[in-house]
Structure formats: structure tokens, C-alpha cells
N, C-alpha and C. Protein backbone atom coordinates (compact mmCIF):
# COMPACT_ATOMS: atom_id res chain seq x y z
N MET A 1 118.82 -136.56 34.10
CA MET A 1 118.03 -135.39 35.03
C MET A 1 118.35 -134.12 35.27
N THR A 2 117.44 -133.15 35.57
CA THR A 2 117.55 -131.97 35.82
C THR A 2 117.26 -131.86 37.49
N THR A 3 118.37 -130.84 37.94
CA THR A 3 118.30 -130.51 39.47
C THR A 3 117.15 -129.42 39.60
N SER A 4 116.49 -129.34 40.41
CA SER A 4 115.60 -128.20 40.82
C SER A 4 116.18 -127.10 41.39
N SER A 5 116.65 -126.09 40.76
CA SER A 5 117.16 -125.29 41.49
C SER A 5 116.26 -123.95 41.32
N PRO A 6 116.09 -123.03 42.59
CA PRO A 6 115.30 -121.88 43.01
C PRO A 6 115.55 -121.23 41.59
N GLY A 7 114.59 -120.91 41.34
CA GLY A 7 114.46 -120.17 40.09
C GLY A 7 114.67 -118.36 40.34
N PRO A 8 114.26 -117.28 39.54
CA PRO A 8 114.29 -116.41 39.70
C PRO A 8 113.27 -115.38 40.57
N LEU A 9 112.29 -116.31 40.33
CA LEU A 9 110.67 -115.77 41.24
C LEU A 9 111.22 -116.10 42.65
N ALA A 10 111.68 -117.51 43.20
CA ALA A 10 111.55 -117.69 44.21
C ALA A 10 112.83 -116.74 45.13
N ASP A 11 114.02 -116.27 43.96
CA ASP A 11 115.18 -115.43 44.61
C ASP A 11 114.18 -114.07 44.83
N GLU A 12 113.54 -113.58 44.12
CA GLU A 12 112.99 -112.44 44.55
C GLU A 12 112.50 -112.21 45.45
N ALA A 13 111.26 -113.33 45.80
CA ALA A 13 110.35 -113.44 47.18
C ALA A 13 111.41 -113.59 48.08
N ALA A 14 112.29 -114.65 48.49
CA ALA A 14 113.26 -114.51 49.34
C ALA A 14 113.64 -113.12 49.76
N ARG A 15 114.42 -112.63 48.76
CA ARG A 15 114.96 -111.37 48.76
C ARG A 15 113.81 -110.22 49.69
N LEU A 16 112.55 -110.09 48.77
CA LEU A 16 111.48 -109.19 49.09
C LEU A 16 111.12 -109.66 50.81
N VAL A 17 111.14 -110.71 51.17
CA VAL A 17 110.91 -111.11 53.00
C VAL A 17 111.66 -110.46 53.91
N GLU A 18 113.56 -110.76 52.96
CA GLU A 18 114.28 -110.20 53.99
C GLU A 18 114.17 -108.57 54.05
N ALA A 19 114.10 -108.07 52.94
CA ALA A 19 114.17 -106.63 53.12
C ALA A 19 112.74 -106.02 54.08
N LEU A 20 111.66 -106.92 53.50
CA LEU A 20 110.36 -106.34 54.70
C LEU A 20 110.56 -106.75 56.03
N GLY A 21 111.39 -107.86 56.55
CA GLY A 21 111.90 -107.85 57.65
C GLY A 21 113.00 -106.90 58.39
N GLU A 22 113.89 -106.37 57.21
CA GLU A 22 114.70 -105.36 58.05
C GLU A 22 114.02 -103.97 58.36
N TRP A 23 112.73 -103.72 57.25
CA TRP A 23 112.31 -102.51 57.03
C TRP A 23 111.50 -102.54 58.49
N ALA A 24 110.59 -103.65 58.80
CA ALA A 24 109.95 -104.07 59.83
C ALA A 24 111.04 -103.60 61.79
N ARG A 25 111.95 -104.18 61.38
CA ARG A 25 113.07 -103.85 62.52
C ARG A 25 113.67 -102.09 62.76
N GLY A 26 113.91 -101.72 61.81
CA GLY A 26 114.13 -100.27 61.51
C GLY A 26 112.63 -99.60 61.84
N ALA A 27 111.47 -99.95 61.66
CA ALA A 27 110.58 -99.20 62.21
C ALA A 27 110.31 -99.46 63.27
N ALA A 28 110.82 -100.31 63.95
CA ALA A 28 110.50 -100.46 65.67
C ALA A 28 111.38 -99.74 66.30
N GLY A 29 112.32 -99.34 65.57
CA GLY A 29 113.52 -98.43 66.31
C GLY A 29 114.52 -99.16 67.37
N GLY A 30 114.58 -100.33 66.73
CA GLY A 30 115.21 -101.28 67.60
C GLY A 30 114.60 -101.77 69.29
N MET A 31 113.49 -101.43 68.86
CA MET A 31 112.69 -101.71 70.33
C MET A 31 112.67 -103.66 69.96
N SER A 32 113.28 -103.79 71.26
CA SER A 32 112.82 -105.86 71.30
C SER A 32 111.17 -105.61 71.56
N MET A 33 110.81 -106.81 70.75
CA MET A 33 109.60 -106.94 70.96
C MET A 33 109.32 -107.92 72.41
N PRO A 34 108.44 -107.86 73.03
CA PRO A 34 108.17 -108.89 74.15
C PRO A 34 107.96 -110.16 73.95
N ALA A 35 108.74 -111.10 74.59
CA ALA A 35 107.77 -112.25 74.18
C ALA A 35 106.68 -112.82 74.96
N VAL A 36 105.97 -113.92 74.65
CA VAL A 36 104.75 -114.12 75.57
C VAL A 36 105.20 -114.26 76.56
N GLY A 37 104.05 -113.32 77.43
CA GLY A 37 103.49 -113.38 79.20
C GLY A 37 104.71 -112.51 79.44
N GLU A 38 105.48 -111.94 78.69
CA GLU A 38 106.10 -110.67 79.19
C GLU A 38 105.97 -109.63 79.06
N GLY A 39 104.58 -108.85 78.59
CA GLY A 39 103.94 -107.65 78.27
C GLY A 39 104.01 -106.80 79.38
N ALA A 40 103.81 -105.57 79.23
CA ALA A 40 103.48 -104.54 80.24
C ALA A 40 102.40 -104.87 81.32
N GLU A 41 102.30 -105.02 82.22
CA GLU A 41 101.03 -105.24 82.79
C GLU A 41 100.40 -103.82 83.18
N CYS A 42 98.96 -104.24 83.36
CA CYS A 42 98.04 -103.28 83.47
C CYS A 42 98.21 -102.48 85.32
N GLN A 43 98.04 -101.49 85.46
CA GLN A 43 98.35 -101.07 86.92
C GLN A 43 96.79 -99.98 87.36
N VAL A 44 96.13 -100.13 86.06
CA VAL A 44 95.00 -99.48 86.41
C VAL A 44 93.98 -100.12 87.29
N CYS A 45 93.15 -101.08 86.60
CA CYS A 45 92.18 -102.01 86.96
C CYS A 45 92.42 -102.62 88.41
N PRO A 46 91.26 -102.75 89.13
CA PRO A 46 91.15 -103.41 90.29
C PRO A 46 91.59 -104.68 89.90
N LEU A 47 90.89 -105.53 89.39
CA LEU A 47 91.65 -106.64 89.24
C LEU A 47 93.10 -106.93 88.94
N CYS A 48 93.61 -106.25 88.12
CA CYS A 48 95.41 -106.42 87.69
C CYS A 48 95.92 -105.91 89.34
N GLN A 49 95.55 -105.12 89.88
CA GLN A 49 96.13 -104.38 90.78
C GLN A 49 96.21 -105.81 91.87
N LEU A 50 95.18 -106.28 92.05
CA LEU A 50 94.65 -107.31 93.35
C LEU A 50 95.77 -108.58 92.49
N LEU A 51 95.47 -108.94 91.23
CA LEU A 51 96.33 -110.20 90.86
C LEU A 51 98.11 -109.56 91.26
N ALA A 52 98.30 -108.43 91.18
CA ALA A 52 100.14 -107.95 91.43
C ALA A 52 99.90 -108.02 92.87
N LEU A 53 99.22 -107.79 93.97
CA LEU A 53 99.45 -107.88 95.28
C LEU A 53 99.58 -109.64 95.54
N VAL A 54 98.93 -109.94 94.63
CA VAL A 54 98.66 -111.48 95.03
C VAL A 54 100.07 -112.38 94.75
N ARG A 55 100.61 -112.05 93.16
CA ARG A 55 101.74 -112.14 92.72
C ARG A 55 103.09 -112.28 93.94
N ARG A 56 102.93 -110.79 94.75
CA ARG A 56 103.95 -109.98 95.73
C ARG A 56 103.89 -110.72 97.20
N THR A 57 102.70 -111.30 97.15
CA THR A 57 102.40 -112.19 98.81
C THR A 57 103.21 -113.19 98.97
N GLN A 58 103.55 -113.68 100.10
CA GLN A 58 104.22 -114.51 100.47
C GLN A 58 103.13 -115.98 100.69
N PRO A 59 103.38 -116.95 100.71
CA PRO A 59 102.37 -117.89 100.50
C PRO A 59 101.83 -118.63 102.19
N GLU A 60 102.77 -118.04 103.35
CA GLU A 60 102.41 -118.01 104.62
C GLU A 60 101.19 -116.88 104.98
N THR A 61 101.36 -115.93 104.31
CA THR A 61 100.33 -114.82 104.70
C THR A 61 98.83 -115.65 104.21
N PHE A 62 98.80 -116.25 103.09
CA PHE A 62 97.41 -116.95 102.71
C PHE A 62 97.17 -117.90 103.86
N GLY A 63 97.95 -118.55 104.38
CA GLY A 63 97.78 -119.78 105.52
C GLY A 63 97.27 -118.87 106.63
N HIS A 64 97.55 -117.87 107.37
CA HIS A 64 97.37 -116.84 108.12
C HIS A 64 96.07 -116.19 107.74
N LEU A 65 95.79 -116.06 106.69
CA LEU A 65 94.49 -114.95 106.37
C LEU A 65 93.35 -116.30 106.58
N ALA A 66 93.55 -117.57 105.97
CA ALA A 66 92.52 -118.53 106.06
C ALA A 66 92.49 -119.03 107.63
N ASP A 67 93.47 -119.12 108.25
CA ASP A 67 93.32 -119.09 109.66
C ASP A 67 92.07 -118.08 110.34
N ALA A 68 92.63 -117.11 110.06
CA ALA A 68 91.61 -115.61 110.60
C ALA A 68 90.58 -115.90 110.23
N SER A 69 90.26 -116.22 108.89
CA SER A 69 88.67 -116.47 108.61
C SER A 69 88.06 -117.30 109.17
N ALA A 70 89.08 -118.34 109.07
CA ALA A 70 88.14 -119.81 110.12
C ALA A 70 87.51 -119.17 111.45
N SER A 71 88.44 -118.38 112.09
CA SER A 71 88.19 -118.20 113.47
C SER A 71 87.07 -116.72 113.34
N MET A 72 87.19 -116.12 112.51
CA MET A 72 86.10 -115.04 112.12
C MET A 72 84.50 -115.91 111.99
N ILE A 73 84.97 -116.61 110.94
CA ILE A 73 83.22 -117.65 110.69
C ILE A 73 82.91 -118.10 112.24
N ALA A 74 83.90 -118.54 112.84
CA ALA A 74 83.51 -119.68 114.31
C ALA A 74 82.94 -118.60 115.08
N ALA A 75 83.55 -117.57 115.17
CA ALA A 75 82.70 -116.03 116.20
C ALA A 75 81.59 -115.96 115.67
N LEU A 76 81.27 -115.50 114.57
CA LEU A 76 80.20 -115.49 114.06
C LEU A 76 79.21 -116.40 114.14
N ARG A 77 79.37 -117.49 113.91
CA ARG A 77 78.31 -118.72 114.08
C ARG A 77 77.91 -118.57 115.84
N THR A 78 79.10 -118.48 116.52
CA THR A 78 78.42 -118.33 117.97
C THR A 78 77.68 -117.18 118.65
N VAL A 79 77.48 -116.15 118.09
CA VAL A 79 77.14 -115.18 118.00
C VAL A 79 75.70 -115.10 117.58
N VAL A 80 75.43 -115.93 116.26
CA VAL A 80 74.13 -116.37 115.96
C VAL A 80 73.53 -117.15 116.89
N GLU A 81 73.98 -118.62 117.09
CA GLU A 81 73.63 -119.28 117.99
C GLU A 81 72.91 -118.55 119.31
N ARG A 82 73.69 -118.02 119.90
CA ARG A 82 73.52 -117.33 121.27
C ARG A 82 71.98 -116.34 120.95
N HIS A 83 72.20 -115.81 120.01
CA HIS A 83 71.11 -114.65 119.39
C HIS A 83 70.04 -115.47 119.41
N GLU A 84 70.02 -116.78 118.81
CA GLU A 84 68.83 -117.66 118.37
C GLU A 84 68.25 -118.20 119.60
N HIS A 85 69.31 -118.58 120.92
CA HIS A 85 68.75 -119.02 121.94
C HIS A 85 67.93 -118.22 122.90
N SER A 86 68.55 -116.60 122.83
CA SER A 86 68.19 -115.68 123.92
C SER A 86 66.72 -114.86 123.45
N ALA A 87 66.63 -115.33 121.90
CA ALA A 87 65.42 -114.66 121.59
C ALA A 87 64.03 -114.87 122.28
N THR A 88 62.98 -113.92 123.02
CA THR A 88 62.04 -114.20 123.79
C THR A 88 61.25 -114.56 123.02
N ARG A 89 60.42 -115.88 123.61
CA ARG A 89 59.28 -116.36 122.39
C ARG A 89 57.95 -115.77 123.19
N PRO A 90 56.99 -115.53 122.51
CA PRO A 90 55.59 -115.05 123.40
C PRO A 90 55.28 -116.45 124.50
N THR A 91 54.96 -116.10 125.44
CA THR A 91 54.55 -117.02 126.15
C THR A 91 52.85 -116.73 126.59
N GLY A 92 52.38 -117.81 126.94
CA GLY A 92 50.86 -117.44 126.90
C GLY A 92 49.73 -117.43 125.91
N VAL A 93 48.55 -117.16 125.97
CA VAL A 93 47.60 -116.94 125.27
C VAL A 93 47.25 -115.59 124.99
N GLU A 94 47.17 -114.94 123.60
CA GLU A 94 46.81 -113.29 123.40
C GLU A 94 45.38 -113.38 123.09
N ARG A 95 44.50 -112.26 123.62
CA ARG A 95 43.21 -112.70 123.00
C ARG A 95 43.10 -111.81 122.09
N ILE A 96 42.38 -112.36 121.12
CA ILE A 96 41.94 -111.50 119.65
C ILE A 96 40.40 -111.42 119.46
N ASP A 97 39.83 -110.33 119.38
CA ASP A 97 38.72 -110.25 119.10
C ASP A 97 38.23 -110.10 117.88
N LEU A 98 37.22 -110.94 117.48
CA LEU A 98 36.90 -111.10 116.05
C LEU A 98 35.81 -110.31 115.39
N ASP A 99 34.98 -109.59 116.47
CA ASP A 99 34.02 -108.91 116.21
C ASP A 99 34.17 -107.29 116.37
N ASP A 100 33.09 -106.32 116.16
CA ASP A 100 33.49 -105.24 116.33
C ASP A 100 32.75 -104.92 117.78
N ARG A 101 31.86 -105.65 118.19
CA ARG A 101 31.58 -105.16 119.58
C ARG A 101 32.40 -105.02 120.68
N ASP A 102 32.48 -104.46 121.58
CA ASP A 102 33.30 -104.47 122.91
C ASP A 102 32.66 -105.46 124.07
N PRO A 103 33.25 -106.46 124.35
CA PRO A 103 32.71 -107.25 125.25
C PRO A 103 32.71 -106.48 126.77
N TYR A 104 33.38 -105.91 126.60
CA TYR A 104 33.61 -105.02 128.18
C TYR A 104 33.34 -103.48 127.81
N PRO A 105 32.06 -102.90 127.88
CA PRO A 105 32.22 -101.82 127.11
C PRO A 105 32.50 -100.43 128.92
N ALA A 106 33.10 -99.78 128.54
CA ALA A 106 33.31 -98.76 129.61
C ALA A 106 32.46 -97.87 130.23
N ALA A 107 32.05 -97.92 131.59
CA ALA A 107 30.96 -97.32 132.33
C ALA A 107 30.69 -95.91 131.98
N ASP A 108 29.81 -95.77 131.45
CA ASP A 108 29.43 -94.47 130.90
C ASP A 108 28.67 -93.68 131.98
N PRO A 109 28.98 -92.67 132.93
CA PRO A 109 28.30 -92.07 134.02
C PRO A 109 26.85 -91.71 134.12
N MET A 110 26.68 -91.37 132.19
CA MET A 110 24.84 -90.57 132.61
C MET A 110 24.22 -92.48 132.15
N ASP A 111 24.87 -93.25 131.79
CA ASP A 111 24.16 -94.49 131.52
C ASP A 111 23.18 -94.95 132.84
N SER A 112 22.13 -95.30 133.20
CA SER A 112 21.16 -95.73 134.18
C SER A 112 21.78 -97.24 134.62
N THR A 113 21.83 -98.11 133.44
CA THR A 113 22.18 -99.29 133.98
C THR A 113 23.21 -99.67 134.22
N ALA A 114 24.36 -98.68 134.54
CA ALA A 114 25.66 -99.00 134.83
C ALA A 114 25.72 -98.53 136.36
N ALA A 115 24.71 -97.70 136.73
CA ALA A 115 24.55 -97.28 137.87
C ALA A 115 23.84 -98.78 138.80
N ASP A 116 23.13 -99.29 138.27
CA ASP A 116 22.24 -100.34 138.83
C ASP A 116 23.18 -101.49 139.00
N VAL A 117 24.16 -101.63 138.26
CA VAL A 117 25.14 -102.93 138.41
C VAL A 117 26.24 -102.26 139.28
N ALA A 118 26.53 -101.13 139.36
CA ALA A 118 27.35 -100.58 140.67
C ALA A 118 26.47 -101.08 141.89
N THR A 119 25.44 -101.05 142.20
CA THR A 119 25.03 -100.96 143.78
C THR A 119 24.22 -102.45 143.72
């Protein structure tokens, strides 16, 4: 039986891959590439700024913010309920005329019938 040893084509391919790797390291100027999740953070957009703030904030702070938010909501609810109860509702009946005639005409001093009614 014959043992299969890498042929000259496999040797050349291995040397090519090694040379390309050395070239890539040299082209990078010795810079190490960041691993996954270790890239530079964006400091420009508001979302990234908010995420950076959240990462730096202590967990107790979020508890205090939740308590303050609950208190604020309770206070707003109380104000709205008081406003609803204190709203003045119309009492009684309002007269609405449906025709153009005035049932109570103003007295005209030149009208003789108005003088008869007054006497």
C-alpha cells in the first residue's frame, strides 16, 4: 500500500495561506483586531449615549427611579380624580327657542298696543 502524502499542490496552497496571513498582519500595522463585543462604542447617537449611561448607573438608582415614578403617577391620579369631582355640572334646565319668533318682544314706545298693555 502507498501512504498518501501531501503533494506539491497541497504544499504550495499551505505556503500561500501562510504568506497571506503574514501579509495581512503586516498590512494591519501590528494592530490587534478587537474580539466580538469589544469594538469601539458609538458616542454620537442618543441611543448609544443612553445605553452607556445605563451601563454606568448603579442598580439601586433604577429602584429609586421606579419608586419616584410610582409616586408621580399616584399624585397625577389624585389630581385628575379631584378635578373630575370638582367640575361644575349644569344644574336646572336651559330654555332653547326653536323658532325665529321672539315670544317676549321688547316694548316699542311707538307701538300703541304696548301702551294699552301697560295701562
